[in-house]
Amino acid sequence: MIKGRGEGDIEKVLKMVNLYDRRTSKFNTYSLGMKQRLAIASALLGDPDILVFDEPTNGLDPAGIAEIRELIKELYKAGKTIIMASHILDEVEKMYPCGHHSKGVLKIVGSVAELMIPGS
């Protein structure tokens, strides 16, 4: 068991990140992109309400980037709060909508360009 979750939860998150077919492979055989997917799967264990991603598409090929982008959008649509750090603003824009919250109250929603502070 990991994080107090049973094997059924592990299988579910591995399927979500498209690693289920490699579930019996040794970690040292995983590519950088596969390790990134595994880290995302680990974050999904326990079905958290808030997810923090730091460069979630790092090491992924273009198809993998699109898959993870869609997964993050689906998590958002399912009511998860997504906090994502990335130095690639184009990637952040593709995760639209973005928003600023203060004390649990939504303050601003818009594209990256709309949320940019003038002069920053």
N, C-alpha and C. Protein backbone atom coordinates (compact mmCIF):
# COMPACT_ATOMS: atom_id res chain seq x y z
N MET A 1 0.82 -1.18 0.00
CA MET A 1 0.00 0.00 0.00
C MET A 1 0.87 1.25 0.00
N ILE A 2 0.41 2.27 -0.71
CA ILE A 2 1.08 3.56 -0.76
C ILE A 2 0.09 4.62 -0.33
N LYS A 3 0.50 5.50 0.56
CA LYS A 3 -0.37 6.58 1.04
C LYS A 3 -1.70 6.05 1.58
N GLY A 4 -1.69 4.84 2.13
CA GLY A 4 -2.90 4.28 2.70
C GLY A 4 -3.92 3.85 1.67
N ARG A 5 -3.55 3.77 0.42
CA ARG A 5 -4.47 3.39 -0.64
C ARG A 5 -4.17 1.96 -1.08
N GLY A 6 -5.19 1.21 -1.48
CA GLY A 6 -5.02 -0.17 -1.92
C GLY A 6 -4.61 -0.27 -3.38
N GLU A 7 -4.42 -1.49 -3.81
CA GLU A 7 -3.96 -1.74 -5.18
C GLU A 7 -4.93 -1.22 -6.24
N GLY A 8 -6.21 -1.24 -5.97
CA GLY A 8 -7.20 -0.76 -6.93
C GLY A 8 -6.99 0.70 -7.29
N ASP A 9 -6.62 1.51 -6.30
CA ASP A 9 -6.36 2.94 -6.55
C ASP A 9 -5.08 3.11 -7.38
N ILE A 10 -4.10 2.27 -7.12
CA ILE A 10 -2.85 2.35 -7.87
C ILE A 10 -3.11 2.05 -9.34
N GLU A 11 -3.86 1.01 -9.61
CA GLU A 11 -4.18 0.66 -11.00
C GLU A 11 -4.92 1.80 -11.68
N LYS A 12 -5.87 2.41 -10.96
CA LYS A 12 -6.67 3.50 -11.53
C LYS A 12 -5.78 4.67 -11.95
N VAL A 13 -4.87 5.09 -11.07
CA VAL A 13 -4.03 6.25 -11.42
C VAL A 13 -3.01 5.90 -12.49
N LEU A 14 -2.52 4.66 -12.51
CA LEU A 14 -1.61 4.26 -13.59
C LEU A 14 -2.31 4.29 -14.94
N LYS A 15 -3.58 3.92 -14.95
CA LYS A 15 -4.36 4.00 -16.20
C LYS A 15 -4.57 5.46 -16.59
N MET A 16 -4.79 6.33 -15.61
CA MET A 16 -5.02 7.75 -15.91
C MET A 16 -3.82 8.38 -16.60
N VAL A 17 -2.61 7.94 -16.26
CA VAL A 17 -1.40 8.53 -16.85
C VAL A 17 -0.79 7.63 -17.93
N ASN A 18 -1.54 6.63 -18.35
CA ASN A 18 -1.11 5.70 -19.42
C ASN A 18 0.19 4.97 -19.10
N LEU A 19 0.32 4.49 -17.86
CA LEU A 19 1.46 3.65 -17.48
C LEU A 19 1.03 2.25 -17.05
N TYR A 20 -0.23 1.95 -17.16
CA TYR A 20 -0.72 0.66 -16.67
C TYR A 20 -0.02 -0.51 -17.36
N ASP A 21 0.21 -0.41 -18.66
CA ASP A 21 0.86 -1.50 -19.39
C ASP A 21 2.31 -1.72 -18.95
N ARG A 22 2.91 -0.72 -18.33
CA ARG A 22 4.30 -0.84 -17.86
C ARG A 22 4.40 -1.03 -16.35
N ARG A 23 3.29 -1.40 -15.72
CA ARG A 23 3.23 -1.47 -14.26
C ARG A 23 4.20 -2.48 -13.66
N THR A 24 4.60 -3.48 -14.43
CA THR A 24 5.54 -4.49 -13.90
C THR A 24 6.98 -4.20 -14.29
N SER A 25 7.21 -3.13 -15.03
CA SER A 25 8.57 -2.78 -15.45
C SER A 25 9.35 -2.19 -14.28
N LYS A 26 10.64 -2.41 -14.30
CA LYS A 26 11.50 -1.82 -13.27
C LYS A 26 11.63 -0.32 -13.52
N PHE A 27 11.68 0.43 -12.42
CA PHE A 27 11.75 1.88 -12.48
C PHE A 27 12.94 2.35 -13.32
N ASN A 28 14.08 1.67 -13.21
CA ASN A 28 15.27 2.11 -13.95
C ASN A 28 15.15 1.91 -15.45
N THR A 29 14.08 1.26 -15.92
CA THR A 29 13.85 1.13 -17.35
C THR A 29 12.94 2.24 -17.89
N TYR A 30 12.41 3.06 -16.99
CA TYR A 30 11.51 4.14 -17.39
C TYR A 30 12.30 5.31 -17.99
N SER A 31 11.73 5.90 -19.02
CA SER A 31 12.29 7.12 -19.59
C SER A 31 11.96 8.29 -18.66
N LEU A 32 12.54 9.46 -18.94
CA LEU A 32 12.24 10.65 -18.14
C LEU A 32 10.74 10.96 -18.18
N GLY A 33 10.16 10.85 -19.36
CA GLY A 33 8.72 11.11 -19.49
C GLY A 33 7.88 10.13 -18.69
N MET A 34 8.28 8.88 -18.66
CA MET A 34 7.54 7.88 -17.89
C MET A 34 7.67 8.14 -16.40
N LYS A 35 8.85 8.58 -15.97
CA LYS A 35 9.04 8.93 -14.56
C LYS A 35 8.17 10.13 -14.19
N GLN A 36 8.02 11.06 -15.13
CA GLN A 36 7.15 12.22 -14.89
C GLN A 36 5.71 11.76 -14.74
N ARG A 37 5.27 10.86 -15.60
CA ARG A 37 3.91 10.32 -15.51
C ARG A 37 3.71 9.60 -14.17
N LEU A 38 4.72 8.86 -13.74
CA LEU A 38 4.62 8.14 -12.47
C LEU A 38 4.50 9.12 -11.30
N ALA A 39 5.22 10.22 -11.36
CA ALA A 39 5.13 11.24 -10.32
C ALA A 39 3.71 11.83 -10.28
N ILE A 40 3.14 12.06 -11.45
CA ILE A 40 1.77 12.59 -11.50
C ILE A 40 0.80 11.55 -10.94
N ALA A 41 0.99 10.28 -11.30
CA ALA A 41 0.14 9.22 -10.75
C ALA A 41 0.22 9.18 -9.24
N SER A 42 1.42 9.34 -8.69
CA SER A 42 1.61 9.36 -7.24
C SER A 42 0.83 10.50 -6.60
N ALA A 43 0.85 11.66 -7.26
CA ALA A 43 0.11 12.82 -6.74
C ALA A 43 -1.40 12.57 -6.74
N LEU A 44 -1.87 11.72 -7.63
CA LEU A 44 -3.30 11.45 -7.74
C LEU A 44 -3.80 10.43 -6.73
N LEU A 45 -2.87 9.69 -6.10
CA LEU A 45 -3.29 8.70 -5.11
C LEU A 45 -4.04 9.38 -3.97
N GLY A 46 -5.11 8.79 -3.57
CA GLY A 46 -5.90 9.35 -2.47
C GLY A 46 -6.93 10.35 -2.93
N ASP A 47 -7.02 10.60 -4.23
CA ASP A 47 -8.02 11.49 -4.79
C ASP A 47 -8.04 12.86 -4.10
N PRO A 48 -6.89 13.56 -4.08
CA PRO A 48 -6.84 14.85 -3.37
C PRO A 48 -7.68 15.93 -4.05
N ASP A 49 -8.13 16.89 -3.27
CA ASP A 49 -8.91 18.01 -3.80
C ASP A 49 -8.01 19.07 -4.43
N ILE A 50 -6.77 19.16 -3.95
CA ILE A 50 -5.82 20.16 -4.43
C ILE A 50 -4.60 19.44 -4.97
N LEU A 51 -4.19 19.78 -6.18
CA LEU A 51 -3.01 19.19 -6.81
C LEU A 51 -2.01 20.29 -7.15
N VAL A 52 -0.76 20.07 -6.80
CA VAL A 52 0.31 21.01 -7.11
C VAL A 52 1.25 20.33 -8.10
N PHE A 53 1.38 20.93 -9.28
CA PHE A 53 2.24 20.39 -10.32
C PHE A 53 3.35 21.37 -10.63
N ASP A 54 4.58 20.89 -10.62
CA ASP A 54 5.74 21.69 -10.99
C ASP A 54 6.26 21.15 -12.31
N GLU A 55 6.08 21.92 -13.37
CA GLU A 55 6.52 21.50 -14.72
C GLU A 55 5.97 20.11 -15.05
N PRO A 56 4.66 19.92 -15.05
CA PRO A 56 4.10 18.58 -15.23
C PRO A 56 4.37 17.95 -16.60
N THR A 57 4.73 18.75 -17.59
CA THR A 57 4.98 18.18 -18.92
C THR A 57 6.48 18.02 -19.21
N ASN A 58 7.31 18.28 -18.22
CA ASN A 58 8.76 18.15 -18.41
C ASN A 58 9.13 16.72 -18.79
N GLY A 59 9.92 16.57 -19.84
CA GLY A 59 10.41 15.26 -20.25
C GLY A 59 9.45 14.48 -21.13
N LEU A 60 8.28 15.04 -21.41
CA LEU A 60 7.29 14.33 -22.23
C LEU A 60 7.44 14.70 -23.70
N ASP A 61 7.12 13.74 -24.56
CA ASP A 61 7.09 14.03 -25.99
C ASP A 61 5.81 14.79 -26.31
N PRO A 62 5.67 15.32 -27.53
CA PRO A 62 4.46 16.11 -27.85
C PRO A 62 3.14 15.39 -27.57
N ALA A 63 3.08 14.10 -27.87
CA ALA A 63 1.84 13.36 -27.61
C ALA A 63 1.60 13.25 -26.10
N GLY A 64 2.66 13.02 -25.34
CA GLY A 64 2.54 12.94 -23.89
C GLY A 64 2.13 14.26 -23.28
N ILE A 65 2.68 15.36 -23.82
CA ILE A 65 2.30 16.69 -23.34
C ILE A 65 0.79 16.89 -23.53
N ALA A 66 0.30 16.54 -24.70
CA ALA A 66 -1.14 16.70 -24.98
C ALA A 66 -1.97 15.83 -24.04
N GLU A 67 -1.52 14.60 -23.77
CA GLU A 67 -2.26 13.71 -22.87
C GLU A 67 -2.32 14.27 -21.45
N ILE A 68 -1.19 14.73 -20.94
CA ILE A 68 -1.16 15.26 -19.58
C ILE A 68 -1.94 16.56 -19.49
N ARG A 69 -1.87 17.38 -20.53
CA ARG A 69 -2.65 18.61 -20.56
C ARG A 69 -4.15 18.28 -20.46
N GLU A 70 -4.59 17.29 -21.21
CA GLU A 70 -6.01 16.89 -21.16
C GLU A 70 -6.37 16.30 -19.81
N LEU A 71 -5.45 15.53 -19.22
CA LEU A 71 -5.71 14.97 -17.89
C LEU A 71 -5.89 16.10 -16.87
N ILE A 72 -5.03 17.10 -16.92
CA ILE A 72 -5.14 18.22 -15.98
C ILE A 72 -6.45 18.97 -16.19
N LYS A 73 -6.84 19.16 -17.44
CA LYS A 73 -8.13 19.81 -17.71
C LYS A 73 -9.30 18.99 -17.16
N GLU A 74 -9.23 17.68 -17.30
CA GLU A 74 -10.29 16.81 -16.78
C GLU A 74 -10.33 16.86 -15.25
N LEU A 75 -9.17 16.89 -14.62
CA LEU A 75 -9.12 17.01 -13.17
C LEU A 75 -9.75 18.32 -12.72
N TYR A 76 -9.47 19.40 -13.45
CA TYR A 76 -10.06 20.71 -13.14
C TYR A 76 -11.58 20.65 -13.29
N LYS A 77 -12.05 20.05 -14.38
CA LYS A 77 -13.49 19.93 -14.62
C LYS A 77 -14.17 19.09 -13.55
N ALA A 78 -13.41 18.16 -12.94
CA ALA A 78 -13.95 17.31 -11.89
C ALA A 78 -13.96 18.01 -10.54
N GLY A 79 -13.56 19.29 -10.52
CA GLY A 79 -13.63 20.07 -9.30
C GLY A 79 -12.33 20.16 -8.51
N LYS A 80 -11.24 19.66 -9.07
CA LYS A 80 -9.95 19.74 -8.37
C LYS A 80 -9.38 21.15 -8.51
N THR A 81 -8.72 21.60 -7.47
CA THR A 81 -7.96 22.85 -7.54
C THR A 81 -6.58 22.49 -8.05
N ILE A 82 -6.16 23.14 -9.13
CA ILE A 82 -4.87 22.85 -9.75
C ILE A 82 -3.96 24.05 -9.57
N ILE A 83 -2.81 23.81 -8.98
CA ILE A 83 -1.77 24.83 -8.88
C ILE A 83 -0.61 24.31 -9.71
N MET A 84 -0.24 25.09 -10.72
CA MET A 84 0.79 24.61 -11.64
C MET A 84 1.86 25.67 -11.85
N ALA A 85 3.10 25.24 -11.73
CA ALA A 85 4.24 26.11 -12.01
C ALA A 85 4.86 25.69 -13.33
N SER A 86 5.13 26.66 -14.17
CA SER A 86 5.81 26.38 -15.44
C SER A 86 6.44 27.66 -15.94
N HIS A 87 7.60 27.53 -16.52
CA HIS A 87 8.24 28.70 -17.12
C HIS A 87 7.84 28.85 -18.58
N ILE A 88 7.02 27.94 -19.07
CA ILE A 88 6.55 27.98 -20.46
C ILE A 88 5.12 28.53 -20.45
N LEU A 89 4.99 29.85 -20.64
CA LEU A 89 3.67 30.49 -20.55
C LEU A 89 2.70 29.95 -21.59
N ASP A 90 3.20 29.57 -22.76
CA ASP A 90 2.34 28.99 -23.78
C ASP A 90 1.66 27.73 -23.25
N GLU A 91 2.39 26.94 -22.49
CA GLU A 91 1.81 25.72 -21.92
C GLU A 91 0.76 26.08 -20.88
N VAL A 92 1.01 27.08 -20.08
CA VAL A 92 0.04 27.51 -19.07
C VAL A 92 -1.23 28.02 -19.76
N GLU A 93 -1.07 28.77 -20.85
CA GLU A 93 -2.23 29.29 -21.57
C GLU A 93 -3.11 28.16 -22.09
N LYS A 94 -2.50 27.04 -22.46
CA LYS A 94 -3.27 25.91 -22.98
C LYS A 94 -4.04 25.20 -21.88
N MET A 95 -3.77 25.55 -20.63
CA MET A 95 -4.49 24.97 -19.50
C MET A 95 -5.63 25.86 -19.06
N TYR A 96 -5.90 26.94 -19.79
CA TYR A 96 -6.94 27.91 -19.47
C TYR A 96 -8.19 27.19 -18.97
N PRO A 97 -8.93 27.65 -18.00
CA PRO A 97 -8.83 28.98 -17.42
C PRO A 97 -7.83 29.04 -16.26
N CYS A 98 -7.30 30.20 -16.06
CA CYS A 98 -6.45 30.50 -14.91
C CYS A 98 -7.23 31.42 -14.01
N GLY A 99 -6.83 31.49 -12.76
CA GLY A 99 -7.53 32.40 -11.86
C GLY A 99 -6.67 32.79 -10.68
N HIS A 100 -7.03 33.85 -10.03
CA HIS A 100 -6.39 34.28 -8.79
C HIS A 100 -7.44 34.17 -7.70
N HIS A 101 -7.08 33.52 -6.60
CA HIS A 101 -8.00 33.38 -5.48
C HIS A 101 -7.41 34.07 -4.26
N SER A 102 -8.27 34.56 -3.41
CA SER A 102 -7.84 35.16 -2.16
C SER A 102 -8.80 34.71 -1.07
N LYS A 103 -8.29 34.01 -0.08
CA LYS A 103 -9.09 33.51 1.04
C LYS A 103 -10.31 32.73 0.55
N GLY A 104 -10.09 31.89 -0.49
CA GLY A 104 -11.15 31.03 -0.98
C GLY A 104 -12.17 31.72 -1.87
N VAL A 105 -11.96 32.99 -2.16
CA VAL A 105 -12.88 33.72 -3.03
C VAL A 105 -12.20 33.97 -4.36
N LEU A 106 -12.84 33.56 -5.44
CA LEU A 106 -12.29 33.79 -6.77
C LEU A 106 -12.26 35.28 -7.06
N LYS A 107 -11.09 35.79 -7.39
CA LYS A 107 -10.93 37.22 -7.64
C LYS A 107 -10.87 37.54 -9.12
N ILE A 108 -10.16 36.73 -9.90
CA ILE A 108 -9.96 37.00 -11.32
C ILE A 108 -9.92 35.67 -12.07
N VAL A 109 -10.53 35.63 -13.24
CA VAL A 109 -10.42 34.49 -14.14
C VAL A 109 -10.11 35.03 -15.51
N GLY A 110 -9.17 34.42 -16.19
CA GLY A 110 -8.86 34.86 -17.54
C GLY A 110 -7.65 34.14 -18.10
N SER A 111 -7.25 34.56 -19.27
CA SER A 111 -6.07 33.97 -19.90
C SER A 111 -4.83 34.48 -19.19
N VAL A 112 -3.68 33.89 -19.51
CA VAL A 112 -2.42 34.34 -18.92
C VAL A 112 -2.21 35.82 -19.22
N ALA A 113 -2.46 36.23 -20.46
CA ALA A 113 -2.26 37.63 -20.85
C ALA A 113 -3.15 38.57 -20.03
N GLU A 114 -4.39 38.15 -19.79
CA GLU A 114 -5.32 38.98 -19.02
C GLU A 114 -4.93 39.08 -17.55
N LEU A 115 -4.24 38.06 -17.04
CA LEU A 115 -3.86 38.05 -15.63
C LEU A 115 -2.50 38.65 -15.35
N MET A 116 -1.73 38.91 -16.39
CA MET A 116 -0.39 39.47 -16.20
C MET A 116 -0.48 40.85 -15.57
N ILE A 117 0.39 41.10 -14.63
CA ILE A 117 0.46 42.40 -13.98
C ILE A 117 1.26 43.31 -14.88
N PRO A 118 0.75 44.51 -15.23
CA PRO A 118 1.50 45.41 -16.10
C PRO A 118 2.90 45.68 -15.53
N GLY A 119 3.89 45.59 -16.40
CA GLY A 119 5.27 45.86 -16.01
C GLY A 119 5.97 44.65 -15.43
N SER A 120 5.31 43.49 -15.36
CA SER A 120 5.97 42.32 -14.78
C SER A 120 6.61 41.48 -15.86
